[in-house]
Amino acid sequence: MSEEKVYKVIELVGSSPNSWEEAMKAAVTQASRSLRDLRIAEVVKQDVIIEDGMIKAYRVRIKLSFKYAEAD
């Protein structure tokens, strides 16, 4: 008997005043507080918020997958 696995994928946007790496870490860290068995984060888009000619925030949109748990 094979063990099938099912994963759910959601999109999140993380933000940081310092870097895209920190923005991604913020999104994954926040998601890990309420989701179990996180598997893969894929960067979909990166952008920055600019104010007065300066970068105010780095943003990253990610697709995050986690193992889908069946209801008991």
N, C-alpha and C. Protein backbone atom coordinates (compact mmCIF):
# COMPACT_ATOMS: atom_id res chain seq x y z
N MET A 1 0.84 -1.18 0.00
CA MET A 1 0.00 0.00 0.00
C MET A 1 0.89 1.24 0.00
N SER A 2 0.67 2.13 -0.95
CA SER A 2 1.49 3.34 -1.03
C SER A 2 0.91 4.42 -0.11
N GLU A 3 1.81 5.27 0.32
CA GLU A 3 1.39 6.36 1.19
C GLU A 3 1.31 7.64 0.37
N GLU A 4 0.08 8.05 0.02
CA GLU A 4 -0.10 9.27 -0.74
C GLU A 4 0.08 10.47 0.18
N LYS A 5 0.61 11.52 -0.37
CA LYS A 5 0.79 12.75 0.40
C LYS A 5 0.13 13.89 -0.36
N VAL A 6 -0.51 14.76 0.38
CA VAL A 6 -1.18 15.91 -0.21
C VAL A 6 -0.65 17.16 0.48
N TYR A 7 -0.37 18.18 -0.32
CA TYR A 7 0.15 19.43 0.21
C TYR A 7 -0.76 20.58 -0.22
N LYS A 8 -0.93 21.53 0.65
CA LYS A 8 -1.69 22.74 0.34
C LYS A 8 -0.68 23.85 0.08
N VAL A 9 -1.02 24.74 -0.86
CA VAL A 9 -0.15 25.86 -1.20
C VAL A 9 -0.92 27.16 -0.99
N ILE A 10 -0.29 28.09 -0.26
CA ILE A 10 -0.88 29.41 -0.03
C ILE A 10 0.12 30.48 -0.47
N GLU A 11 -0.37 31.69 -0.70
CA GLU A 11 0.51 32.80 -1.02
C GLU A 11 0.54 33.77 0.16
N LEU A 12 1.73 34.23 0.46
CA LEU A 12 1.94 35.20 1.53
C LEU A 12 2.84 36.32 1.03
N VAL A 13 2.74 37.47 1.68
CA VAL A 13 3.65 38.58 1.40
C VAL A 13 4.32 38.96 2.71
N GLY A 14 5.66 38.93 2.70
CA GLY A 14 6.43 39.35 3.85
C GLY A 14 7.08 40.69 3.54
N SER A 15 7.36 41.46 4.58
CA SER A 15 7.94 42.78 4.41
C SER A 15 9.03 43.01 5.43
N SER A 16 10.06 43.76 5.04
CA SER A 16 11.16 44.10 5.94
C SER A 16 11.78 45.42 5.50
N PRO A 17 12.22 46.24 6.45
CA PRO A 17 12.91 47.48 6.06
C PRO A 17 14.36 47.22 5.63
N ASN A 18 14.85 45.99 5.80
CA ASN A 18 16.28 45.71 5.57
C ASN A 18 16.61 44.90 4.32
N SER A 19 15.84 43.84 4.01
CA SER A 19 16.22 42.99 2.87
C SER A 19 15.08 42.06 2.48
N TRP A 20 15.20 41.51 1.24
CA TRP A 20 14.23 40.50 0.80
C TRP A 20 14.36 39.24 1.63
N GLU A 21 15.58 38.90 2.01
CA GLU A 21 15.80 37.70 2.83
C GLU A 21 15.05 37.82 4.16
N GLU A 22 15.14 38.98 4.80
CA GLU A 22 14.41 39.17 6.06
C GLU A 22 12.90 39.20 5.84
N ALA A 23 12.46 39.72 4.69
CA ALA A 23 11.03 39.73 4.37
C ALA A 23 10.51 38.30 4.24
N MET A 24 11.29 37.44 3.58
CA MET A 24 10.89 36.05 3.43
C MET A 24 10.88 35.35 4.79
N LYS A 25 11.89 35.60 5.57
CA LYS A 25 11.97 35.00 6.91
C LYS A 25 10.77 35.42 7.76
N ALA A 26 10.36 36.69 7.65
CA ALA A 26 9.21 37.17 8.41
C ALA A 26 7.94 36.42 8.02
N ALA A 27 7.75 36.21 6.72
CA ALA A 27 6.55 35.51 6.25
C ALA A 27 6.54 34.05 6.72
N VAL A 28 7.68 33.39 6.60
CA VAL A 28 7.76 31.97 7.01
C VAL A 28 7.62 31.84 8.52
N THR A 29 8.27 32.72 9.26
CA THR A 29 8.19 32.67 10.73
C THR A 29 6.76 32.87 11.21
N GLN A 30 6.08 33.85 10.62
CA GLN A 30 4.69 34.10 11.02
C GLN A 30 3.80 32.91 10.66
N ALA A 31 3.97 32.36 9.46
CA ALA A 31 3.16 31.21 9.04
C ALA A 31 3.40 30.00 9.93
N SER A 32 4.63 29.82 10.38
CA SER A 32 4.95 28.64 11.20
C SER A 32 4.28 28.69 12.57
N ARG A 33 3.77 29.84 12.96
CA ARG A 33 3.07 29.95 14.24
C ARG A 33 1.69 29.30 14.21
N SER A 34 1.11 29.19 13.01
CA SER A 34 -0.24 28.61 12.93
C SER A 34 -0.35 27.42 11.98
N LEU A 35 0.68 27.16 11.19
CA LEU A 35 0.66 26.03 10.25
C LEU A 35 1.72 25.00 10.65
N ARG A 36 1.39 23.73 10.44
CA ARG A 36 2.35 22.67 10.75
C ARG A 36 2.90 22.07 9.48
N ASP A 37 4.05 21.44 9.61
CA ASP A 37 4.69 20.72 8.50
C ASP A 37 4.93 21.57 7.26
N LEU A 38 5.48 22.78 7.47
CA LEU A 38 5.84 23.62 6.33
C LEU A 38 6.90 22.88 5.51
N ARG A 39 6.81 22.97 4.19
CA ARG A 39 7.69 22.20 3.32
C ARG A 39 8.58 23.06 2.43
N ILE A 40 7.97 23.87 1.58
CA ILE A 40 8.74 24.62 0.58
C ILE A 40 8.19 26.04 0.48
N ALA A 41 9.09 27.00 0.35
CA ALA A 41 8.71 28.38 0.06
C ALA A 41 9.33 28.75 -1.28
N GLU A 42 8.51 29.21 -2.20
CA GLU A 42 8.96 29.58 -3.54
C GLU A 42 8.71 31.08 -3.74
N VAL A 43 9.75 31.81 -4.10
CA VAL A 43 9.61 33.24 -4.34
C VAL A 43 8.86 33.45 -5.66
N VAL A 44 7.77 34.19 -5.59
CA VAL A 44 6.96 34.49 -6.77
C VAL A 44 7.29 35.88 -7.30
N LYS A 45 7.52 36.81 -6.38
CA LYS A 45 7.75 38.20 -6.79
C LYS A 45 8.50 38.94 -5.70
N GLN A 46 9.37 39.83 -6.11
CA GLN A 46 10.05 40.72 -5.17
C GLN A 46 9.80 42.15 -5.63
N ASP A 47 9.57 43.05 -4.66
CA ASP A 47 9.47 44.46 -5.00
C ASP A 47 9.90 45.29 -3.80
N VAL A 48 9.97 46.59 -4.00
CA VAL A 48 10.32 47.49 -2.92
C VAL A 48 9.32 48.64 -2.87
N ILE A 49 9.16 49.19 -1.69
CA ILE A 49 8.36 50.39 -1.52
C ILE A 49 9.36 51.55 -1.42
N ILE A 50 9.14 52.57 -2.25
CA ILE A 50 10.05 53.71 -2.30
C ILE A 50 9.33 54.96 -1.82
N GLU A 51 9.97 55.69 -0.93
CA GLU A 51 9.46 56.98 -0.46
C GLU A 51 10.59 58.00 -0.49
N ASP A 52 10.34 59.14 -1.07
CA ASP A 52 11.33 60.21 -1.17
C ASP A 52 12.64 59.72 -1.78
N GLY A 53 12.55 58.84 -2.78
CA GLY A 53 13.73 58.36 -3.48
C GLY A 53 14.54 57.32 -2.72
N MET A 54 14.03 56.88 -1.59
CA MET A 54 14.74 55.89 -0.76
C MET A 54 13.87 54.64 -0.60
N ILE A 55 14.53 53.49 -0.47
CA ILE A 55 13.80 52.25 -0.24
C ILE A 55 13.30 52.24 1.19
N LYS A 56 11.99 52.14 1.33
CA LYS A 56 11.34 52.12 2.65
C LYS A 56 11.16 50.68 3.14
N ALA A 57 10.84 49.77 2.20
CA ALA A 57 10.61 48.38 2.60
C ALA A 57 10.84 47.44 1.43
N TYR A 58 11.37 46.28 1.74
CA TYR A 58 11.52 45.18 0.78
C TYR A 58 10.34 44.24 0.99
N ARG A 59 9.72 43.82 -0.11
CA ARG A 59 8.60 42.89 0.00
C ARG A 59 8.86 41.67 -0.88
N VAL A 60 8.42 40.54 -0.39
CA VAL A 60 8.56 39.31 -1.16
C VAL A 60 7.23 38.55 -1.09
N ARG A 61 6.74 38.13 -2.26
CA ARG A 61 5.54 37.29 -2.32
C ARG A 61 6.03 35.86 -2.50
N ILE A 62 5.56 34.96 -1.64
CA ILE A 62 5.99 33.57 -1.71
C ILE A 62 4.78 32.64 -1.80
N LYS A 63 5.01 31.49 -2.40
CA LYS A 63 4.06 30.38 -2.33
C LYS A 63 4.65 29.43 -1.29
N LEU A 64 3.87 29.11 -0.31
CA LEU A 64 4.31 28.28 0.80
C LEU A 64 3.49 27.00 0.83
N SER A 65 4.17 25.87 0.85
CA SER A 65 3.43 24.60 0.90
C SER A 65 3.60 23.95 2.25
N PHE A 66 2.56 23.26 2.67
CA PHE A 66 2.61 22.51 3.91
C PHE A 66 1.77 21.24 3.74
N LYS A 67 2.10 20.25 4.54
CA LYS A 67 1.41 18.96 4.45
C LYS A 67 -0.04 19.13 4.89
N TYR A 68 -0.93 18.64 4.07
CA TYR A 68 -2.36 18.72 4.33
C TYR A 68 -2.74 17.60 5.29
N ALA A 69 -3.31 17.95 6.42
CA ALA A 69 -3.69 16.96 7.43
C ALA A 69 -5.17 16.64 7.32
N GLU A 70 -5.49 15.38 7.33
CA GLU A 70 -6.90 14.97 7.31
C GLU A 70 -7.54 15.23 8.66
N ALA A 71 -8.82 15.54 8.65
CA ALA A 71 -9.55 15.71 9.90
C ALA A 71 -9.77 14.35 10.53
N ASP A 72 -9.66 14.32 11.84
CA ASP A 72 -9.86 13.04 12.56
C ASP A 72 -11.31 12.70 12.71
